[in-house]
Amino acid sequence: MLVVSLSGSPALKSRSGVVLEHARHWLQAHDVNVQALKIRDFAAEDLLYAHFDSPQVIDFIEAVKQADGLLIGTPVYKASFSGALKTLLDLLPERSLHGKVVLPLATGGSIAHMLAVDYALKPVLSALKCQEVLHGIFAIDTQISYSNNEQGGELDDILTERLHEGLEHFHHGLLRRVQARHSLAGGHLKLAL
């Protein structure tokens, strides 16, 4: 199984990045390969001018195509997800998320930003034909502290429990996708015989 982890924070140090790192470690412990990408790894010109022919953009589109699922992490700014993340998602072909499992993760300064995932990010994912967007996980900034550990920080107990529960659902969705793909491949094999 392959998952693309996409950090939509333009900051070098970000709370949403810490949550994504914890998720990446959890998934790797459950035998899932995770390819971590960060918005700041892309050239700003490629995003702003929609350079579909950029090698980084081509690699991103191919990674998403190969993935069984996506983790999308973003800070919430002014009641919406990261604008830089939106410019990158806009470069994906229309049906890029068809059949993929997506788990959105968002961080913000207060609980008032919690609905940003439902009202801002999920419609964009639906436009990319994602049929299985799981219930997103929203974290208040105070639930995350920075540190020098390999995940870049610590999550409080409540957030850790919610993240692990969300990742369990995500993992089950990935397993369903892989099983369906194998069943379909087996069906085609039987038809060929």
C-alpha atoms as a PDB file:
ATOM      1  CA  MET A   1       0.000   0.000   0.000  1.00  0.00           C
ATOM      2  CA  LEU A   2       1.181   3.474  -0.851  1.00  0.00           C
ATOM      3  CA  VAL A   3       0.038   6.743   0.711  1.00  0.00           C
ATOM      4  CA  VAL A   4       1.030  10.252  -0.325  1.00  0.00           C
ATOM      5  CA  SER A   5       1.306  12.570   2.660  1.00  0.00           C
ATOM      6  CA  LEU A   6       0.898  16.173   1.555  1.00  0.00           C
ATOM      7  CA  SER A   7       1.712  19.091   3.844  1.00  0.00           C
ATOM      8  CA  GLY A   8      -0.019  22.273   2.758  1.00  0.00           C
ATOM      9  CA  SER A   9       1.833  24.528   5.167  1.00  0.00           C
ATOM     10  CA  PRO A  10       4.312  26.937   3.578  1.00  0.00           C
ATOM     11  CA  ALA A  11       6.109  27.311   6.927  1.00  0.00           C
ATOM     12  CA  LEU A  12       9.330  25.452   7.643  1.00  0.00           C
ATOM     13  CA  LYS A  13       7.997  24.521  11.085  1.00  0.00           C
ATOM     14  CA  SER A  14       4.283  23.771  11.262  1.00  0.00           C
ATOM     15  CA  ARG A  15       1.835  22.102  13.601  1.00  0.00           C
ATOM     16  CA  SER A  16       0.017  20.421  10.718  1.00  0.00           C
ATOM     17  CA  GLY A  17       3.415  19.034   9.674  1.00  0.00           C
ATOM     18  CA  VAL A  18       3.880  17.572  13.164  1.00  0.00           C
ATOM     19  CA  VAL A  19       0.486  15.840  12.933  1.00  0.00           C
ATOM     20  CA  LEU A  20       1.396  14.467   9.493  1.00  0.00           C
ATOM     21  CA  GLU A  21       4.687  13.131  10.834  1.00  0.00           C
ATOM     22  CA  HIS A  22       2.901  11.309  13.658  1.00  0.00           C
ATOM     23  CA  ALA A  23       0.485   9.876  11.079  1.00  0.00           C
ATOM     24  CA  ARG A  24       3.372   8.818   8.826  1.00  0.00           C
ATOM     25  CA  HIS A  25       5.063   6.937  11.678  1.00  0.00           C
ATOM     26  CA  TRP A  26       1.794   5.217  12.601  1.00  0.00           C
ATOM     27  CA  LEU A  27       1.169   4.125   9.003  1.00  0.00           C
ATOM     28  CA  GLN A  28       4.730   2.881   8.515  1.00  0.00           C
ATOM     29  CA  ALA A  29       4.352   0.804  11.691  1.00  0.00           C
ATOM     30  CA  HIS A  30       1.318  -0.763   9.963  1.00  0.00           C
ATOM     31  CA  ASP A  31       3.274  -1.690   6.804  1.00  0.00           C
ATOM     32  CA  VAL A  32       2.128   1.238   4.679  1.00  0.00           C
ATOM     33  CA  ASN A  33       4.664   3.004   2.455  1.00  0.00           C
ATOM     34  CA  VAL A  34       4.371   6.771   2.821  1.00  0.00           C
ATOM     35  CA  GLN A  35       5.748   9.301   0.370  1.00  0.00           C
ATOM     36  CA  ALA A  36       5.918  12.645   2.180  1.00  0.00           C
ATOM     37  CA  LEU A  37       5.582  15.820   0.110  1.00  0.00           C
ATOM     38  CA  LYS A  38       5.551  19.420   1.315  1.00  0.00           C
ATOM     39  CA  ILE A  39       4.109  22.419  -0.481  1.00  0.00           C
ATOM     40  CA  ARG A  40       7.329  24.331   0.086  1.00  0.00           C
ATOM     41  CA  ASP A  41       9.220  21.680  -1.919  1.00  0.00           C
ATOM     42  CA  PHE A  42       7.534  23.023  -5.080  1.00  0.00           C
ATOM     43  CA  ALA A  43       8.769  26.081  -6.928  1.00  0.00           C
ATOM     44  CA  ALA A  44       6.396  28.991  -6.309  1.00  0.00           C
ATOM     45  CA  GLU A  45       6.416  29.824 -10.030  1.00  0.00           C
ATOM     46  CA  ASP A  46       5.189  26.320 -10.870  1.00  0.00           C
ATOM     47  CA  LEU A  47       2.230  26.748  -8.546  1.00  0.00           C
ATOM     48  CA  LEU A  48       1.355  30.352  -9.396  1.00  0.00           C
ATOM     49  CA  TYR A  49       1.705  29.972 -13.152  1.00  0.00           C
ATOM     50  CA  ALA A  50       0.311  26.412 -13.318  1.00  0.00           C
ATOM     51  CA  HIS A  51       3.393  24.849 -14.893  1.00  0.00           C
ATOM     52  CA  PHE A  52       1.935  21.426 -15.630  1.00  0.00           C
ATOM     53  CA  ASP A  53       5.183  20.490 -17.398  1.00  0.00           C
ATOM     54  CA  SER A  54       7.365  21.083 -14.322  1.00  0.00           C
ATOM     55  CA  PRO A  55       9.261  17.899 -13.344  1.00  0.00           C
ATOM     56  CA  GLN A  56       8.128  18.332  -9.724  1.00  0.00           C
ATOM     57  CA  VAL A  57       4.488  18.700 -10.757  1.00  0.00           C
ATOM     58  CA  ILE A  58       4.725  15.704 -13.097  1.00  0.00           C
ATOM     59  CA  ASP A  59       6.251  13.627 -10.273  1.00  0.00           C
ATOM     60  CA  PHE A  60       3.494  14.791  -7.904  1.00  0.00           C
ATOM     61  CA  ILE A  61       0.740  13.826 -10.355  1.00  0.00           C
ATOM     62  CA  GLU A  62       2.360  10.406 -10.863  1.00  0.00           C
ATOM     63  CA  ALA A  63       2.733   9.851  -7.100  1.00  0.00           C
ATOM     64  CA  VAL A  64      -0.966  10.601  -6.589  1.00  0.00           C
ATOM     65  CA  LYS A  65      -1.856   8.301  -9.491  1.00  0.00           C
ATOM     66  CA  GLN A  66       0.070   5.416  -7.913  1.00  0.00           C
ATOM     67  CA  ALA A  67      -1.189   6.029  -4.368  1.00  0.00           C
ATOM     68  CA  ASP A  68      -3.967   4.108  -2.668  1.00  0.00           C
ATOM     69  CA  GLY A  69      -4.675   7.047  -0.410  1.00  0.00           C
ATOM     70  CA  LEU A  70      -3.706  10.563   0.604  1.00  0.00           C
ATOM     71  CA  LEU A  71      -3.127  12.289   3.904  1.00  0.00           C
ATOM     72  CA  ILE A  72      -3.631  16.009   3.425  1.00  0.00           C
ATOM     73  CA  GLY A  73      -2.488  18.281   6.225  1.00  0.00           C
ATOM     74  CA  THR A  74      -3.124  22.005   6.323  1.00  0.00           C
ATOM     75  CA  PRO A  75      -3.214  24.929   8.684  1.00  0.00           C
ATOM     76  CA  VAL A  76      -6.465  26.883   8.643  1.00  0.00           C
ATOM     77  CA  TYR A  77      -6.054  30.520   7.660  1.00  0.00           C
ATOM     78  CA  LYS A  78      -9.024  32.902   7.702  1.00  0.00           C
ATOM     79  CA  ALA A  79     -11.583  30.070   7.825  1.00  0.00           C
ATOM     80  CA  SER A  80     -10.081  28.109   4.924  1.00  0.00           C
ATOM     81  CA  PHE A  81      -7.265  25.714   4.139  1.00  0.00           C
ATOM     82  CA  SER A  82      -3.889  26.881   2.834  1.00  0.00           C
ATOM     83  CA  GLY A  83      -4.050  28.805  -0.443  1.00  0.00           C
ATOM     84  CA  ALA A  84      -0.718  27.300  -1.476  1.00  0.00           C
ATOM     85  CA  LEU A  85      -2.256  23.843  -1.072  1.00  0.00           C
ATOM     86  CA  LYS A  86      -5.168  24.892  -3.293  1.00  0.00           C
ATOM     87  CA  THR A  87      -2.799  25.949  -6.075  1.00  0.00           C
ATOM     88  CA  LEU A  88      -1.139  22.520  -5.966  1.00  0.00           C
ATOM     89  CA  LEU A  89      -4.440  20.616  -5.905  1.00  0.00           C
ATOM     90  CA  ASP A  90      -5.536  22.700  -8.911  1.00  0.00           C
ATOM     91  CA  LEU A  91      -2.703  21.106 -10.916  1.00  0.00           C
ATOM     92  CA  LEU A  92      -4.129  17.602 -10.517  1.00  0.00           C
ATOM     93  CA  PRO A  93      -6.148  16.207 -13.432  1.00  0.00           C
ATOM     94  CA  GLU A  94      -9.909  16.148 -12.851  1.00  0.00           C
ATOM     95  CA  ARG A  95     -10.315  12.483 -11.824  1.00  0.00           C
ATOM     96  CA  SER A  96      -7.029  12.178  -9.928  1.00  0.00           C
ATOM     97  CA  LEU A  97      -8.605  11.117  -6.648  1.00  0.00           C
ATOM     98  CA  HIS A  98     -11.109   8.648  -8.095  1.00  0.00           C
ATOM     99  CA  GLY A  99     -11.015   5.503  -5.963  1.00  0.00           C
ATOM    100  CA  LYS A 100      -8.532   6.970  -3.467  1.00  0.00           C
ATOM    101  CA  VAL A 101      -9.064   7.171   0.288  1.00  0.00           C
ATOM    102  CA  VAL A 102      -8.345  10.636   1.699  1.00  0.00           C
ATOM    103  CA  LEU A 103      -7.878  11.645   5.324  1.00  0.00           C
ATOM    104  CA  PRO A 104      -7.787  15.427   5.838  1.00  0.00           C
ATOM    105  CA  LEU A 105      -5.882  16.785   8.850  1.00  0.00           C
ATOM    106  CA  ALA A 106      -6.125  20.437   9.841  1.00  0.00           C
ATOM    107  CA  THR A 107      -4.799  22.689  12.580  1.00  0.00           C
ATOM    108  CA  GLY A 108      -5.989  26.078  13.716  1.00  0.00           C
ATOM    109  CA  GLY A 109      -5.913  28.550  16.548  1.00  0.00           C
ATOM    110  CA  SER A 110      -9.399  27.807  17.843  1.00  0.00           C
ATOM    111  CA  ILE A 111     -12.289  25.396  17.553  1.00  0.00           C
ATOM    112  CA  ALA A 112     -14.079  28.056  15.466  1.00  0.00           C
ATOM    113  CA  HIS A 113     -11.986  26.913  12.466  1.00  0.00           C
ATOM    114  CA  MET A 114     -13.041  23.278  12.755  1.00  0.00           C
ATOM    115  CA  LEU A 115     -15.567  23.379   9.895  1.00  0.00           C
ATOM    116  CA  ALA A 116     -12.991  24.627   7.373  1.00  0.00           C
ATOM    117  CA  VAL A 117     -12.267  21.039   6.332  1.00  0.00           C
ATOM    118  CA  ASP A 118     -15.937  20.299   5.633  1.00  0.00           C
ATOM    119  CA  TYR A 119     -16.816  23.575   3.931  1.00  0.00           C
ATOM    120  CA  ALA A 120     -13.576  24.443   2.127  1.00  0.00           C
ATOM    121  CA  LEU A 121     -11.348  21.380   1.578  1.00  0.00           C
ATOM    122  CA  LYS A 122     -13.875  18.587   1.035  1.00  0.00           C
ATOM    123  CA  PRO A 123     -15.584  20.309  -1.935  1.00  0.00           C
ATOM    124  CA  VAL A 124     -12.191  20.582  -3.679  1.00  0.00           C
ATOM    125  CA  LEU A 125     -11.519  16.887  -3.042  1.00  0.00           C
ATOM    126  CA  SER A 126     -14.981  16.031  -4.378  1.00  0.00           C
ATOM    127  CA  ALA A 127     -14.251  18.034  -7.537  1.00  0.00           C
ATOM    128  CA  LEU A 128     -11.246  15.735  -8.037  1.00  0.00           C
ATOM    129  CA  LYS A 129     -13.734  12.811  -7.858  1.00  0.00           C
ATOM    130  CA  CYS A 130     -12.661  11.502  -4.471  1.00  0.00           C
ATOM    131  CA  GLN A 131     -15.395   9.147  -3.331  1.00  0.00           C
ATOM    132  CA  GLU A 132     -14.059   8.328   0.115  1.00  0.00           C
ATOM    133  CA  VAL A 133     -13.092  11.398   2.106  1.00  0.00           C
ATOM    134  CA  LEU A 134     -12.984  10.335   5.733  1.00  0.00           C
ATOM    135  CA  HIS A 135     -14.118  12.495   8.611  1.00  0.00           C
ATOM    136  CA  GLY A 136     -11.274  14.980   9.004  1.00  0.00           C
ATOM    137  CA  ILE A 137      -9.251  15.482  12.148  1.00  0.00           C
ATOM    138  CA  PHE A 138      -8.986  19.031  13.428  1.00  0.00           C
ATOM    139  CA  ALA A 139      -6.415  19.979  16.073  1.00  0.00           C
ATOM    140  CA  ILE A 140      -6.213  23.173  18.059  1.00  0.00           C
ATOM    141  CA  ASP A 141      -2.694  24.606  18.058  1.00  0.00           C
ATOM    142  CA  THR A 142      -2.424  24.203  21.841  1.00  0.00           C
ATOM    143  CA  GLN A 143      -2.732  20.408  21.417  1.00  0.00           C
ATOM    144  CA  ILE A 144       0.623  20.334  19.600  1.00  0.00           C
ATOM    145  CA  SER A 145       4.003  21.293  21.008  1.00  0.00           C
ATOM    146  CA  TYR A 146       7.257  21.483  19.098  1.00  0.00           C
ATOM    147  CA  SER A 147      10.232  19.358  20.126  1.00  0.00           C
ATOM    148  CA  ASN A 148      13.351  17.848  18.625  1.00  0.00           C
ATOM    149  CA  ASN A 149      11.989  14.299  18.389  1.00  0.00           C
ATOM    150  CA  GLU A 150      11.768  12.597  15.001  1.00  0.00           C
ATOM    151  CA  GLN A 151       8.160  13.739  14.527  1.00  0.00           C
ATOM    152  CA  GLY A 152       9.073  17.367  15.207  1.00  0.00           C
ATOM    153  CA  GLY A 153       6.765  17.647  18.181  1.00  0.00           C
ATOM    154  CA  GLU A 154       4.329  16.101  20.610  1.00  0.00           C
ATOM    155  CA  LEU A 155       0.561  15.714  20.476  1.00  0.00           C
ATOM    156  CA  ASP A 156      -1.574  15.798  23.609  1.00  0.00           C
ATOM    157  CA  ASP A 157      -3.338  12.593  24.649  1.00  0.00           C
ATOM    158  CA  ILE A 158      -6.760  13.572  23.303  1.00  0.00           C
ATOM    159  CA  LEU A 159      -5.397  14.471  19.875  1.00  0.00           C
ATOM    160  CA  THR A 160      -3.245  11.325  19.790  1.00  0.00           C
ATOM    161  CA  GLU A 161      -6.292   9.171  20.491  1.00  0.00           C
ATOM    162  CA  ARG A 162      -8.380  10.935  17.813  1.00  0.00           C
ATOM    163  CA  LEU A 163      -5.543  10.695  15.289  1.00  0.00           C
ATOM    164  CA  HIS A 164      -5.047   6.978  15.909  1.00  0.00           C
ATOM    165  CA  GLU A 165      -8.780   6.359  15.579  1.00  0.00           C
ATOM    166  CA  GLY A 166      -8.862   8.276  12.287  1.00  0.00           C
ATOM    167  CA  LEU A 167      -5.814   6.392  11.042  1.00  0.00           C
ATOM    168  CA  GLU A 168      -7.490   3.067  11.878  1.00  0.00           C
ATOM    169  CA  HIS A 169     -10.427   4.039   9.635  1.00  0.00           C
ATOM    170  CA  PHE A 170      -7.994   5.249   6.967  1.00  0.00           C
ATOM    171  CA  HIS A 171      -6.040   1.971   7.134  1.00  0.00           C
ATOM    172  CA  HIS A 172      -9.252  -0.055   6.776  1.00  0.00           C
ATOM    173  CA  GLY A 173     -10.181   2.049   3.748  1.00  0.00           C
ATOM    174  CA  LEU A 174      -6.769   1.378   2.212  1.00  0.00           C
ATOM    175  CA  LEU A 175      -7.159  -2.357   2.811  1.00  0.00           C
ATOM    176  CA  ARG A 176     -10.606  -2.316   1.148  1.00  0.00           C
ATOM    177  CA  ARG A 177      -9.134  -0.520  -1.858  1.00  0.00           C
ATOM    178  CA  VAL A 178      -6.266  -2.993  -2.201  1.00  0.00           C
ATOM    179  CA  GLN A 179      -8.593  -5.993  -1.801  1.00  0.00           C
ATOM    180  CA  ALA A 180     -10.980  -4.584  -4.421  1.00  0.00           C
ATOM    181  CA  ARG A 181      -8.083  -4.026  -6.814  1.00  0.00           C
ATOM    182  CA  HIS A 182      -6.887  -7.622  -6.342  1.00  0.00           C
ATOM    183  CA  SER A 183     -10.412  -8.975  -6.774  1.00  0.00           C
ATOM    184  CA  LEU A 184     -10.824  -6.988  -9.972  1.00  0.00           C
ATOM    185  CA  ALA A 185      -7.443  -8.191 -11.260  1.00  0.00           C
ATOM    186  CA  GLY A 186      -8.435 -11.777 -10.420  1.00  0.00           C
ATOM    187  CA  GLY A 187     -11.722 -11.323 -12.279  1.00  0.00           C
ATOM    188  CA  HIS A 188      -9.912 -10.077 -15.369  1.00  0.00           C
ATOM    189  CA  LEU A 189      -7.533 -13.018 -15.127  1.00  0.00           C
ATOM    190  CA  LYS A 190     -10.447 -15.486 -14.986  1.00  0.00           C
ATOM    191  CA  LEU A 191     -12.090 -13.804 -17.991  1.00  0.00           C
ATOM    192  CA  ALA A 192      -8.849 -14.073 -19.943  1.00  0.00           C
ATOM    193  CA  LEU A 193      -8.699 -17.820 -19.303  1.00  0.00           C
END
